[in-house]
Amino acid sequence: MIKNFVLKIADEIKDVTKIGVGSKKLYVSIQLGEYAKVAKTRIIKNERLNPVWNESFHIYCAHNVSDILVMLKEAKPVGAEVI
């Protein structure tokens, strides 16, 4: 029962994020608050199903932030699209 629930969530995540369906160049962007982009991973090419970065960041913040956003993005020649 739990296994089926987890598989259903995984399928829904794939449907929403489109991981595995045409996404060829992916990266992750880390942002503090609404505007402060503090880190970006390298772009991974042609790893559609299970992208793994194995990267770590030390992020020092001298003030309080309400949100830490970790965004999976698809790299495009002009701009990027949040997935």
C-alpha atoms as a PDB file:
ATOM      1  CA  MET A   1       0.000   0.000   0.000  1.00  0.00           C
ATOM      2  CA  ILE A   2       2.756   2.476   0.935  1.00  0.00           C
ATOM      3  CA  LYS A   3       4.822   1.380  -2.063  1.00  0.00           C
ATOM      4  CA  ASN A   4       1.911   2.146  -4.408  1.00  0.00           C
ATOM      5  CA  PHE A   5       1.438   5.541  -2.755  1.00  0.00           C
ATOM      6  CA  VAL A   6       5.133   6.408  -3.214  1.00  0.00           C
ATOM      7  CA  LEU A   7       5.078   5.264  -6.852  1.00  0.00           C
ATOM      8  CA  LYS A   8       1.974   7.365  -7.513  1.00  0.00           C
ATOM      9  CA  ILE A   9       3.642  10.462  -6.038  1.00  0.00           C
ATOM     10  CA  ALA A  10       6.778   9.797  -8.100  1.00  0.00           C
ATOM     11  CA  ASP A  11       4.698   9.517 -11.279  1.00  0.00           C
ATOM     12  CA  GLU A  12       2.883  12.752 -10.480  1.00  0.00           C
ATOM     13  CA  ILE A  13       6.188  14.531  -9.855  1.00  0.00           C
ATOM     14  CA  LYS A  14       7.469  13.306 -13.227  1.00  0.00           C
ATOM     15  CA  ASP A  15       4.283  14.574 -14.903  1.00  0.00           C
ATOM     16  CA  VAL A  16       4.563  18.009 -13.311  1.00  0.00           C
ATOM     17  CA  THR A  17       8.327  18.476 -13.687  1.00  0.00           C
ATOM     18  CA  LYS A  18       8.629  16.713 -17.060  1.00  0.00           C
ATOM     19  CA  ILE A  19      11.781  14.941 -15.852  1.00  0.00           C
ATOM     20  CA  GLY A  20      12.567  12.252 -18.392  1.00  0.00           C
ATOM     21  CA  VAL A  21      10.520  13.867 -21.160  1.00  0.00           C
ATOM     22  CA  GLY A  22      12.777  15.936 -23.369  1.00  0.00           C
ATOM     23  CA  SER A  23      14.670  17.786 -20.625  1.00  0.00           C
ATOM     24  CA  LYS A  24      18.258  17.598 -21.788  1.00  0.00           C
ATOM     25  CA  LYS A  25      20.180  20.300 -19.906  1.00  0.00           C
ATOM     26  CA  LEU A  26      19.274  20.626 -16.232  1.00  0.00           C
ATOM     27  CA  TYR A  27      20.715  22.594 -13.340  1.00  0.00           C
ATOM     28  CA  VAL A  28      19.696  23.655  -9.843  1.00  0.00           C
ATOM     29  CA  SER A  29      19.602  27.232  -8.610  1.00  0.00           C
ATOM     30  CA  ILE A  30      19.566  28.153  -4.897  1.00  0.00           C
ATOM     31  CA  GLN A  31      18.026  31.434  -3.843  1.00  0.00           C
ATOM     32  CA  LEU A  32      17.652  33.155  -0.459  1.00  0.00           C
ATOM     33  CA  GLY A  33      14.456  35.111  -0.125  1.00  0.00           C
ATOM     34  CA  GLU A  34      12.863  36.514  -3.231  1.00  0.00           C
ATOM     35  CA  TYR A  35      15.851  37.942  -5.105  1.00  0.00           C
ATOM     36  CA  ALA A  36      19.238  36.776  -3.762  1.00  0.00           C
ATOM     37  CA  LYS A  37      20.546  33.995  -6.006  1.00  0.00           C
ATOM     38  CA  VAL A  38      23.466  32.494  -4.085  1.00  0.00           C
ATOM     39  CA  ALA A  39      24.427  29.286  -5.885  1.00  0.00           C
ATOM     40  CA  LYS A  40      24.045  27.381  -9.127  1.00  0.00           C
ATOM     41  CA  THR A  41      25.102  23.858  -9.996  1.00  0.00           C
ATOM     42  CA  ARG A  42      26.801  22.848 -13.201  1.00  0.00           C
ATOM     43  CA  ILE A  43      24.568  21.911 -16.131  1.00  0.00           C
ATOM     44  CA  ILE A  44      23.979  18.194 -16.553  1.00  0.00           C
ATOM     45  CA  LYS A  45      23.370  17.117 -20.140  1.00  0.00           C
ATOM     46  CA  ASN A  46      21.378  14.125 -21.350  1.00  0.00           C
ATOM     47  CA  GLU A  47      20.557  12.720 -17.891  1.00  0.00           C
ATOM     48  CA  ARG A  48      16.792  12.824 -18.068  1.00  0.00           C
ATOM     49  CA  LEU A  49      15.640  10.357 -15.443  1.00  0.00           C
ATOM     50  CA  ASN A  50      17.939  10.685 -12.424  1.00  0.00           C
ATOM     51  CA  PRO A  51      20.127  13.784 -12.539  1.00  0.00           C
ATOM     52  CA  VAL A  52      22.782  13.733  -9.787  1.00  0.00           C
ATOM     53  CA  TRP A  53      25.053  16.689  -9.122  1.00  0.00           C
ATOM     54  CA  ASN A  54      27.110  15.599  -6.077  1.00  0.00           C
ATOM     55  CA  GLU A  55      27.943  19.237  -5.353  1.00  0.00           C
ATOM     56  CA  SER A  56      27.938  21.074  -2.049  1.00  0.00           C
ATOM     57  CA  PHE A  57      27.834  24.752  -1.174  1.00  0.00           C
ATOM     58  CA  HIS A  58      28.659  26.786   1.912  1.00  0.00           C
ATOM     59  CA  ILE A  59      26.184  29.646   2.000  1.00  0.00           C
ATOM     60  CA  TYR A  60      26.751  32.358   4.570  1.00  0.00           C
ATOM     61  CA  CYS A  61      23.861  34.675   5.310  1.00  0.00           C
ATOM     62  CA  ALA A  62      24.177  37.703   7.616  1.00  0.00           C
ATOM     63  CA  HIS A  63      20.443  38.361   7.860  1.00  0.00           C
ATOM     64  CA  ASN A  64      17.198  36.470   8.337  1.00  0.00           C
ATOM     65  CA  VAL A  65      15.493  35.068   5.282  1.00  0.00           C
ATOM     66  CA  SER A  66      11.960  33.808   5.061  1.00  0.00           C
ATOM     67  CA  ASP A  67      12.548  31.298   2.257  1.00  0.00           C
ATOM     68  CA  ILE A  68      15.298  29.172   0.776  1.00  0.00           C
ATOM     69  CA  LEU A  69      14.318  28.228  -2.756  1.00  0.00           C
ATOM     70  CA  VAL A  70      15.901  25.256  -4.511  1.00  0.00           C
ATOM     71  CA  MET A  71      14.765  25.337  -8.129  1.00  0.00           C
ATOM     72  CA  LEU A  72      15.310  22.724 -10.812  1.00  0.00           C
ATOM     73  CA  LYS A  73      15.692  24.520 -14.142  1.00  0.00           C
ATOM     74  CA  GLU A  74      16.117  23.635 -17.770  1.00  0.00           C
ATOM     75  CA  ALA A  75      18.931  25.539 -19.452  1.00  0.00           C
ATOM     76  CA  LYS A  76      17.972  27.209 -22.706  1.00  0.00           C
ATOM     77  CA  PRO A  77      20.014  29.329 -25.115  1.00  0.00           C
ATOM     78  CA  VAL A  78      18.142  32.431 -23.915  1.00  0.00           C
ATOM     79  CA  GLY A  79      16.966  32.379 -20.296  1.00  0.00           C
ATOM     80  CA  ALA A  80      15.910  29.432 -18.192  1.00  0.00           C
ATOM     81  CA  GLU A  81      12.647  27.796 -17.340  1.00  0.00           C
ATOM     82  CA  VAL A  82      11.792  26.698 -13.797  1.00  0.00           C
ATOM     83  CA  ILE A  83      10.638  23.090 -13.834  1.00  0.00           C
END
